[in-house]
Amino acid sequence: QYAIMGNLYAKDILGYANPRIGLLNNGTEATKGDELH
């Protein structure tokens, strides 16, 4: 839900046409992080 709202905000207020959404984690690999991540 945060990603969806952040995406809309970045488009609407910052003016970014296609904002890049990233998940903060302890590594860039898809398998990184705990169960939540």
All heavy atoms as atom14 arrays in JSON, in Angstrom:
{
  "sequence": "QYAIMGNLYAKDILGYANPRIGLLNNGTEATKGDELH",
  "atom14_mask": [
    [1, 1, 1, 1, 1, 1, 1, 1, 1, 0, 0, 0, 0, 0],
    [1, 1, 1, 1, 1, 1, 1, 1, 1, 1, 1, 1, 0, 0],
    [1, 1, 1, 1, 1, 0, 0, 0, 0, 0, 0, 0, 0, 0],
    [1, 1, 1, 1, 1, 1, 1, 1, 0, 0, 0, 0, 0, 0],
    [1, 1, 1, 1, 1, 1, 1, 1, 0, 0, 0, 0, 0, 0],
    [1, 1, 1, 1, 0, 0, 0, 0, 0, 0, 0, 0, 0, 0],
    [1, 1, 1, 1, 1, 1, 1, 1, 0, 0, 0, 0, 0, 0],
    [1, 1, 1, 1, 1, 1, 1, 1, 0, 0, 0, 0, 0, 0],
    [1, 1, 1, 1, 1, 1, 1, 1, 1, 1, 1, 1, 0, 0],
    [1, 1, 1, 1, 1, 0, 0, 0, 0, 0, 0, 0, 0, 0],
    [1, 1, 1, 1, 1, 1, 1, 1, 1, 0, 0, 0, 0, 0],
    [1, 1, 1, 1, 1, 1, 1, 1, 0, 0, 0, 0, 0, 0],
    [1, 1, 1, 1, 1, 1, 1, 1, 0, 0, 0, 0, 0, 0],
    [1, 1, 1, 1, 1, 1, 1, 1, 0, 0, 0, 0, 0, 0],
    [1, 1, 1, 1, 0, 0, 0, 0, 0, 0, 0, 0, 0, 0],
    [1, 1, 1, 1, 1, 1, 1, 1, 1, 1, 1, 1, 0, 0],
    [1, 1, 1, 1, 1, 0, 0, 0, 0, 0, 0, 0, 0, 0],
    [1, 1, 1, 1, 1, 1, 1, 1, 0, 0, 0, 0, 0, 0],
    [1, 1, 1, 1, 1, 1, 1, 0, 0, 0, 0, 0, 0, 0],
    [1, 1, 1, 1, 1, 1, 1, 1, 1, 1, 1, 0, 0, 0],
    [1, 1, 1, 1, 1, 1, 1, 1, 0, 0, 0, 0, 0, 0],
    [1, 1, 1, 1, 0, 0, 0, 0, 0, 0, 0, 0, 0, 0],
    [1, 1, 1, 1, 1, 1, 1, 1, 0, 0, 0, 0, 0, 0],
    [1, 1, 1, 1, 1, 1, 1, 1, 0, 0, 0, 0, 0, 0],
    [1, 1, 1, 1, 1, 1, 1, 1, 0, 0, 0, 0, 0, 0],
    [1, 1, 1, 1, 1, 1, 1, 1, 0, 0, 0, 0, 0, 0],
    [1, 1, 1, 1, 0, 0, 0, 0, 0, 0, 0, 0, 0, 0],
    [1, 1, 1, 1, 1, 1, 1, 0, 0, 0, 0, 0, 0, 0],
    [1, 1, 1, 1, 1, 1, 1, 1, 1, 0, 0, 0, 0, 0],
    [1, 1, 1, 1, 1, 0, 0, 0, 0, 0, 0, 0, 0, 0],
    [1, 1, 1, 1, 1, 1, 1, 0, 0, 0, 0, 0, 0, 0],
    [1, 1, 1, 1, 1, 1, 1, 1, 1, 0, 0, 0, 0, 0],
    [1, 1, 1, 1, 0, 0, 0, 0, 0, 0, 0, 0, 0, 0],
    [1, 1, 1, 1, 1, 1, 1, 1, 0, 0, 0, 0, 0, 0],
    [1, 1, 1, 1, 1, 1, 1, 1, 1, 0, 0, 0, 0, 0],
    [1, 1, 1, 1, 1, 1, 1, 1, 0, 0, 0, 0, 0, 0],
    [1, 1, 1, 1, 1, 1, 1, 1, 1, 1, 0, 0, 0, 0]
  ],
  "atom14_positions": [
    [[0.83, -1.2, 0.0], [0.0, 0.0, 0.0], [0.87, 1.26, 0.0], [0.55, 2.24, -0.69], [-0.92, -0.02, 1.22], [-1.97, -1.13, 1.17], [-2.68, -1.32, 2.5], [-2.42, -0.63, 3.48], [-3.6, -2.28, 2.53], [0.0, 0.0, 0.0], [0.0, 0.0, 0.0], [0.0, 0.0, 0.0], [0.0, 0.0, 0.0], [0.0, 0.0, 0.0]],
    [[1.97, 1.23, 0.75], [2.88, 2.37, 0.76], [3.47, 2.61, -0.63], [3.63, 3.75, -1.07], [4.01, 2.14, 1.76], [3.57, 2.07, 3.2], [4.39, 1.45, 4.16], [2.37, 2.6, 3.62], [3.99, 1.38, 5.49], [1.97, 2.54, 4.94], [2.79, 1.92, 5.88], [2.4, 1.85, 7.19], [0.0, 0.0, 0.0], [0.0, 0.0, 0.0]],
    [[3.81, 1.53, -1.31], [4.38, 1.65, -2.65], [3.39, 2.31, -3.6], [3.76, 3.18, -4.41], [4.79, 0.28, -3.18], [0.0, 0.0, 0.0], [0.0, 0.0, 0.0], [0.0, 0.0, 0.0], [0.0, 0.0, 0.0], [0.0, 0.0, 0.0], [0.0, 0.0, 0.0], [0.0, 0.0, 0.0], [0.0, 0.0, 0.0], [0.0, 0.0, 0.0]],
    [[2.13, 1.93, -3.5], [1.09, 2.49, -4.37], [0.9, 3.98, -4.08], [0.85, 4.81, -5.0], [-0.22, 1.71, -4.19], [-0.07, 0.31, -4.77], [-1.4, 2.45, -4.84], [-1.14, -0.66, -4.32], [0.0, 0.0, 0.0], [0.0, 0.0, 0.0], [0.0, 0.0, 0.0], [0.0, 0.0, 0.0], [0.0, 0.0, 0.0], [0.0, 0.0, 0.0]],
    [[0.8, 4.33, -2.8], [0.61, 5.74, -2.45], [1.86, 6.57, -2.77], [1.76, 7.7, -3.26], [0.24, 5.86, -0.97], [-1.15, 5.32, -0.65], [-1.72, 5.72, 1.03], [-0.64, 4.67, 2.02], [0.0, 0.0, 0.0], [0.0, 0.0, 0.0], [0.0, 0.0, 0.0], [0.0, 0.0, 0.0], [0.0, 0.0, 0.0], [0.0, 0.0, 0.0]],
    [[3.03, 6.02, -2.5], [4.27, 6.72, -2.83], [4.41, 6.95, -4.32], [4.88, 8.0, -4.77], [0.0, 0.0, 0.0], [0.0, 0.0, 0.0], [0.0, 0.0, 0.0], [0.0, 0.0, 0.0], [0.0, 0.0, 0.0], [0.0, 0.0, 0.0], [0.0, 0.0, 0.0], [0.0, 0.0, 0.0], [0.0, 0.0, 0.0], [0.0, 0.0, 0.0]],
    [[3.99, 5.98, -5.1], [4.03, 6.08, -6.55], [3.13, 7.21, -7.04], [3.53, 8.05, -7.86], [3.59, 4.75, -7.16], [3.57, 4.77, -8.67], [4.59, 5.01, -9.32], [2.4, 4.54, -9.25], [0.0, 0.0, 0.0], [0.0, 0.0, 0.0], [0.0, 0.0, 0.0], [0.0, 0.0, 0.0], [0.0, 0.0, 0.0], [0.0, 0.0, 0.0]],
    [[1.89, 7.25, -6.52], [0.96, 8.31, -6.91], [1.47, 9.69, -6.48], [1.35, 10.67, -7.22], [-0.42, 8.04, -6.29], [-1.21, 6.87, -6.88], [-2.43, 6.56, -6.01], [-1.65, 7.2, -8.29], [0.0, 0.0, 0.0], [0.0, 0.0, 0.0], [0.0, 0.0, 0.0], [0.0, 0.0, 0.0], [0.0, 0.0, 0.0], [0.0, 0.0, 0.0]],
    [[2.05, 9.77, -5.28], [2.58, 11.04, -4.78], [3.74, 11.52, -5.66], [3.81, 12.7, -6.02], [3.04, 10.88, -3.34], [3.54, 12.17, -2.71], [2.69, 12.97, -1.95], [4.87, 12.58, -2.86], [3.14, 14.15, -1.38], [5.32, 13.76, -2.3], [4.46, 14.54, -1.57], [4.92, 15.71, -1.01], [0.0, 0.0, 0.0], [0.0, 0.0, 0.0]],
    [[4.66, 10.62, -5.99], [5.82, 10.99, -6.8], [5.4, 11.49, -8.17], [6.0, 12.41, -8.73], [6.78, 9.81, -6.93], [0.0, 0.0, 0.0], [0.0, 0.0, 0.0], [0.0, 0.0, 0.0], [0.0, 0.0, 0.0], [0.0, 0.0, 0.0], [0.0, 0.0, 0.0], [0.0, 0.0, 0.0], [0.0, 0.0, 0.0], [0.0, 0.0, 0.0]],
    [[4.36, 10.9, -8.72], [3.84, 11.37, -10.01], [3.16, 12.73, -9.86], [3.4, 13.65, -10.64], [2.83, 10.36, -10.57], [3.43, 9.07, -11.09], [2.33, 8.15, -11.64], [2.91, 6.89, -12.26], [1.85, 5.99, -12.79], [0.0, 0.0, 0.0], [0.0, 0.0, 0.0], [0.0, 0.0, 0.0], [0.0, 0.0, 0.0], [0.0, 0.0, 0.0]],
    [[2.33, 12.85, -8.85], [1.44, 14.0, -8.7], [2.17, 15.24, -8.17], [1.91, 16.36, -8.62], [0.31, 13.63, -7.73], [-1.03, 14.17, -8.18], [-1.26, 14.23, -9.4], [-1.85, 14.54, -7.32], [0.0, 0.0, 0.0], [0.0, 0.0, 0.0], [0.0, 0.0, 0.0], [0.0, 0.0, 0.0], [0.0, 0.0, 0.0], [0.0, 0.0, 0.0]],
    [[3.06, 15.06, -7.21], [3.71, 16.19, -6.55], [5.13, 16.43, -7.06], [5.52, 17.57, -7.3], [3.73, 15.99, -5.01], [2.3, 15.78, -4.49], [4.38, 17.17, -4.32], [1.34, 16.93, -4.78], [0.0, 0.0, 0.0], [0.0, 0.0, 0.0], [0.0, 0.0, 0.0], [0.0, 0.0, 0.0], [0.0, 0.0, 0.0], [0.0, 0.0, 0.0]],
    [[5.91, 15.37, -7.24], [7.29, 15.54, -7.72], [7.36, 15.61, -9.24], [8.38, 16.03, -9.79], [8.17, 14.39, -7.21], [8.28, 14.25, -5.68], [9.22, 13.11, -5.32], [8.74, 15.55, -5.04], [0.0, 0.0, 0.0], [0.0, 0.0, 0.0], [0.0, 0.0, 0.0], [0.0, 0.0, 0.0], [0.0, 0.0, 0.0], [0.0, 0.0, 0.0]],
    [[6.31, 15.16, -9.91], [6.27, 15.25, -11.37], [7.04, 14.17, -12.09], [7.42, 14.35, -13.25], [0.0, 0.0, 0.0], [0.0, 0.0, 0.0], [0.0, 0.0, 0.0], [0.0, 0.0, 0.0], [0.0, 0.0, 0.0], [0.0, 0.0, 0.0], [0.0, 0.0, 0.0], [0.0, 0.0, 0.0], [0.0, 0.0, 0.0], [0.0, 0.0, 0.0]],
    [[7.28, 13.01, -11.45], [8.01, 11.92, -12.09], [7.03, 11.07, -12.9], [6.03, 10.57, -12.36], [8.7, 11.05, -11.05], [9.73, 11.78, -10.2], [10.2, 11.23, -9.01], [10.22, 13.03, -10.58], [11.14, 11.9, -8.22], [11.15, 13.71, -9.8], [11.6, 13.13, -8.62], [12.53, 13.79, -7.85], [0.0, 0.0, 0.0], [0.0, 0.0, 0.0]],
    [[7.31, 10.88, -14.17], [6.4, 10.17, -15.06], [6.27, 8.69, -14.71], [5.18, 8.12, -14.75], [6.85, 10.33, -16.51], [0.0, 0.0, 0.0], [0.0, 0.0, 0.0], [0.0, 0.0, 0.0], [0.0, 0.0, 0.0], [0.0, 0.0, 0.0], [0.0, 0.0, 0.0], [0.0, 0.0, 0.0], [0.0, 0.0, 0.0], [0.0, 0.0, 0.0]],
    [[7.38, 8.06, -14.35], [7.38, 6.62, -14.06], [8.32, 6.35, -12.89], [9.42, 5.8, -13.06], [7.82, 5.84, -15.31], [7.59, 4.35, -15.18], [6.68, 3.9, -14.48], [8.41, 3.56, -15.86], [0.0, 0.0, 0.0], [0.0, 0.0, 0.0], [0.0, 0.0, 0.0], [0.0, 0.0, 0.0], [0.0, 0.0, 0.0], [0.0, 0.0, 0.0]],
    [[7.91, 6.71, -11.67], [8.79, 6.6, -10.5], [9.3, 5.18, -10.29], [8.57, 4.21, -10.45], [7.89, 7.02, -9.34], [6.77, 7.77, -9.96], [6.56, 7.18, -11.31], [0.0, 0.0, 0.0], [0.0, 0.0, 0.0], [0.0, 0.0, 0.0], [0.0, 0.0, 0.0], [0.0, 0.0, 0.0], [0.0, 0.0, 0.0], [0.0, 0.0, 0.0]],
    [[10.58, 5.08, -9.93], [11.18, 3.78, -9.63], [10.92, 3.44, -8.16], [11.32, 4.19, -7.28], [12.68, 3.82, -9.91], [13.04, 4.05, -11.38], [14.49, 4.47, -11.53], [14.76, 5.7, -10.79], [15.85, 5.91, -10.05], [16.78, 4.97, -9.95], [16.02, 7.05, -9.42], [0.0, 0.0, 0.0], [0.0, 0.0, 0.0], [0.0, 0.0, 0.0]],
    [[10.27, 2.31, -7.93], [9.92, 1.89, -6.57], [10.93, 0.87, -6.1], [11.15, -0.16, -6.75], [8.51, 1.26, -6.53], [7.5, 2.1, -7.32], [8.08, 1.06, -5.09], [7.26, 3.47, -6.79], [0.0, 0.0, 0.0], [0.0, 0.0, 0.0], [0.0, 0.0, 0.0], [0.0, 0.0, 0.0], [0.0, 0.0, 0.0], [0.0, 0.0, 0.0]],
    [[11.57, 1.15, -4.96], [12.53, 0.21, -4.4], [12.15, -0.22, -2.99], [11.59, 0.55, -2.22], [0.0, 0.0, 0.0], [0.0, 0.0, 0.0], [0.0, 0.0, 0.0], [0.0, 0.0, 0.0], [0.0, 0.0, 0.0], [0.0, 0.0, 0.0], [0.0, 0.0, 0.0], [0.0, 0.0, 0.0], [0.0, 0.0, 0.0], [0.0, 0.0, 0.0]],
    [[12.44, -1.48, -2.66], [12.2, -2.01, -1.32], [13.5, -1.98, -0.55], [14.49, -2.61, -0.95], [11.67, -3.44, -1.41], [11.45, -4.19, -0.09], [10.37, -3.52, 0.75], [11.11, -5.66, -0.35], [0.0, 0.0, 0.0], [0.0, 0.0, 0.0], [0.0, 0.0, 0.0], [0.0, 0.0, 0.0], [0.0, 0.0, 0.0], [0.0, 0.0, 0.0]],
    [[13.54, -1.24, 0.56], [14.76, -1.15, 1.36], [15.05, -2.5, 2.01], [14.21, -3.06, 2.7], [14.6, -0.07, 2.44], [15.85, 0.29, 3.24], [16.94, 0.86, 2.32], [15.52, 1.29, 4.34], [0.0, 0.0, 0.0], [0.0, 0.0, 0.0], [0.0, 0.0, 0.0], [0.0, 0.0, 0.0], [0.0, 0.0, 0.0], [0.0, 0.0, 0.0]],
    [[16.26, -3.01, 1.76], [16.61, -4.34, 2.24], [18.1, -4.41, 2.52], [18.84, -3.45, 2.26], [16.2, -5.4, 1.19], [15.85, -6.74, 1.82], [16.3, -7.07, 2.9], [15.03, -7.51, 1.11], [0.0, 0.0, 0.0], [0.0, 0.0, 0.0], [0.0, 0.0, 0.0], [0.0, 0.0, 0.0], [0.0, 0.0, 0.0], [0.0, 0.0, 0.0]],
    [[18.57, -5.54, 3.01], [19.99, -5.7, 3.34], [20.78, -6.31, 2.18], [21.88, -6.83, 2.38], [20.16, -6.57, 4.6], [19.65, -7.99, 4.41], [18.89, -8.27, 3.49], [20.07, -8.89, 5.29], [0.0, 0.0, 0.0], [0.0, 0.0, 0.0], [0.0, 0.0, 0.0], [0.0, 0.0, 0.0], [0.0, 0.0, 0.0], [0.0, 0.0, 0.0]],
    [[20.24, -6.22, 1.0], [20.93, -6.69, -0.2], [20.01, -6.48, -1.39], [18.79, -6.35, -1.23], [0.0, 0.0, 0.0], [0.0, 0.0, 0.0], [0.0, 0.0, 0.0], [0.0, 0.0, 0.0], [0.0, 0.0, 0.0], [0.0, 0.0, 0.0], [0.0, 0.0, 0.0], [0.0, 0.0, 0.0], [0.0, 0.0, 0.0], [0.0, 0.0, 0.0]],
    [[20.56, -6.45, -2.58], [19.76, -6.18, -3.77], [19.13, -7.43, -4.36], [18.19, -7.33, -5.16], [20.61, -5.49, -4.85], [21.75, -6.33, -5.16], [21.12, -4.14, -4.37], [0.0, 0.0, 0.0], [0.0, 0.0, 0.0], [0.0, 0.0, 0.0], [0.0, 0.0, 0.0], [0.0, 0.0, 0.0], [0.0, 0.0, 0.0], [0.0, 0.0, 0.0]],
    [[19.62, -8.61, -3.99], [19.07, -9.85, -4.53], [17.64, -10.06, -4.04], [17.31, -9.73, -2.91], [19.94, -11.04, -4.14], [21.37, -10.97, -4.63], [22.29, -10.23, -3.69], [21.79, -9.6, -2.73], [23.52, -10.28, -3.91], [0.0, 0.0, 0.0], [0.0, 0.0, 0.0], [0.0, 0.0, 0.0], [0.0, 0.0, 0.0], [0.0, 0.0, 0.0]],
    [[16.8, -10.64, -4.9], [15.38, -10.86, -4.57], [15.2, -11.77, -3.37], [14.17, -11.71, -2.68], [14.66, -11.43, -5.78], [0.0, 0.0, 0.0], [0.0, 0.0, 0.0], [0.0, 0.0, 0.0], [0.0, 0.0, 0.0], [0.0, 0.0, 0.0], [0.0, 0.0, 0.0], [0.0, 0.0, 0.0], [0.0, 0.0, 0.0], [0.0, 0.0, 0.0]],
    [[16.17, -12.62, -3.09], [16.05, -13.59, -1.99], [16.55, -13.04, -0.66], [16.51, -13.73, 0.36], [16.84, -14.86, -2.31], [18.22, -14.5, -2.6], [16.25, -15.57, -3.52], [0.0, 0.0, 0.0], [0.0, 0.0, 0.0], [0.0, 0.0, 0.0], [0.0, 0.0, 0.0], [0.0, 0.0, 0.0], [0.0, 0.0, 0.0], [0.0, 0.0, 0.0]],
    [[17.0, -11.8, -0.64], [17.55, -11.22, 0.58], [16.45, -10.85, 1.57], [15.3, -10.66, 1.21], [18.36, -9.96, 0.24], [19.73, -10.23, -0.34], [20.68, -10.76, 0.73], [22.1, -10.87, 0.21], [23.03, -11.3, 1.27], [0.0, 0.0, 0.0], [0.0, 0.0, 0.0], [0.0, 0.0, 0.0], [0.0, 0.0, 0.0], [0.0, 0.0, 0.0]],
    [[16.85, -10.71, 2.84], [15.95, -10.2, 3.85], [15.2, -11.28, 4.61], [15.28, -12.47, 4.32], [0.0, 0.0, 0.0], [0.0, 0.0, 0.0], [0.0, 0.0, 0.0], [0.0, 0.0, 0.0], [0.0, 0.0, 0.0], [0.0, 0.0, 0.0], [0.0, 0.0, 0.0], [0.0, 0.0, 0.0], [0.0, 0.0, 0.0], [0.0, 0.0, 0.0]],
    [[14.44, -10.82, 5.59], [13.65, -11.73, 6.41], [12.35, -12.09, 5.69], [12.13, -11.71, 4.53], [13.37, -11.11, 7.78], [12.7, -9.75, 7.68], [12.21, -9.4, 6.58], [12.65, -9.03, 8.7], [0.0, 0.0, 0.0], [0.0, 0.0, 0.0], [0.0, 0.0, 0.0], [0.0, 0.0, 0.0], [0.0, 0.0, 0.0], [0.0, 0.0, 0.0]],
    [[11.48, -12.79, 6.39], [10.23, -13.25, 5.79], [9.36, -12.08, 5.3], [8.76, -12.14, 4.23], [9.45, -14.08, 6.8], [8.16, -14.7, 6.25], [7.44, -15.57, 7.28], [8.09, -15.98, 8.26], [6.24, -15.81, 7.08], [0.0, 0.0, 0.0], [0.0, 0.0, 0.0], [0.0, 0.0, 0.0], [0.0, 0.0, 0.0], [0.0, 0.0, 0.0]],
    [[9.32, -10.99, 6.1], [8.54, -9.82, 5.72], [9.01, -9.26, 4.38], [8.2, -9.0, 3.47], [8.65, -8.74, 6.8], [8.15, -7.34, 6.39], [6.64, -7.35, 6.16], [8.53, -6.3, 7.46], [0.0, 0.0, 0.0], [0.0, 0.0, 0.0], [0.0, 0.0, 0.0], [0.0, 0.0, 0.0], [0.0, 0.0, 0.0], [0.0, 0.0, 0.0]],
    [[10.33, -9.09, 4.24], [10.86, -8.46, 3.03], [10.74, -9.38, 1.81], [10.51, -8.91, 0.7], [12.31, -8.04, 3.25], [12.44, -6.84, 4.13], [12.38, -6.92, 5.51], [12.61, -5.52, 3.84], [12.5, -5.72, 6.02], [12.65, -4.85, 5.05], [0.0, 0.0, 0.0], [0.0, 0.0, 0.0], [0.0, 0.0, 0.0], [0.0, 0.0, 0.0]]
  ]
}
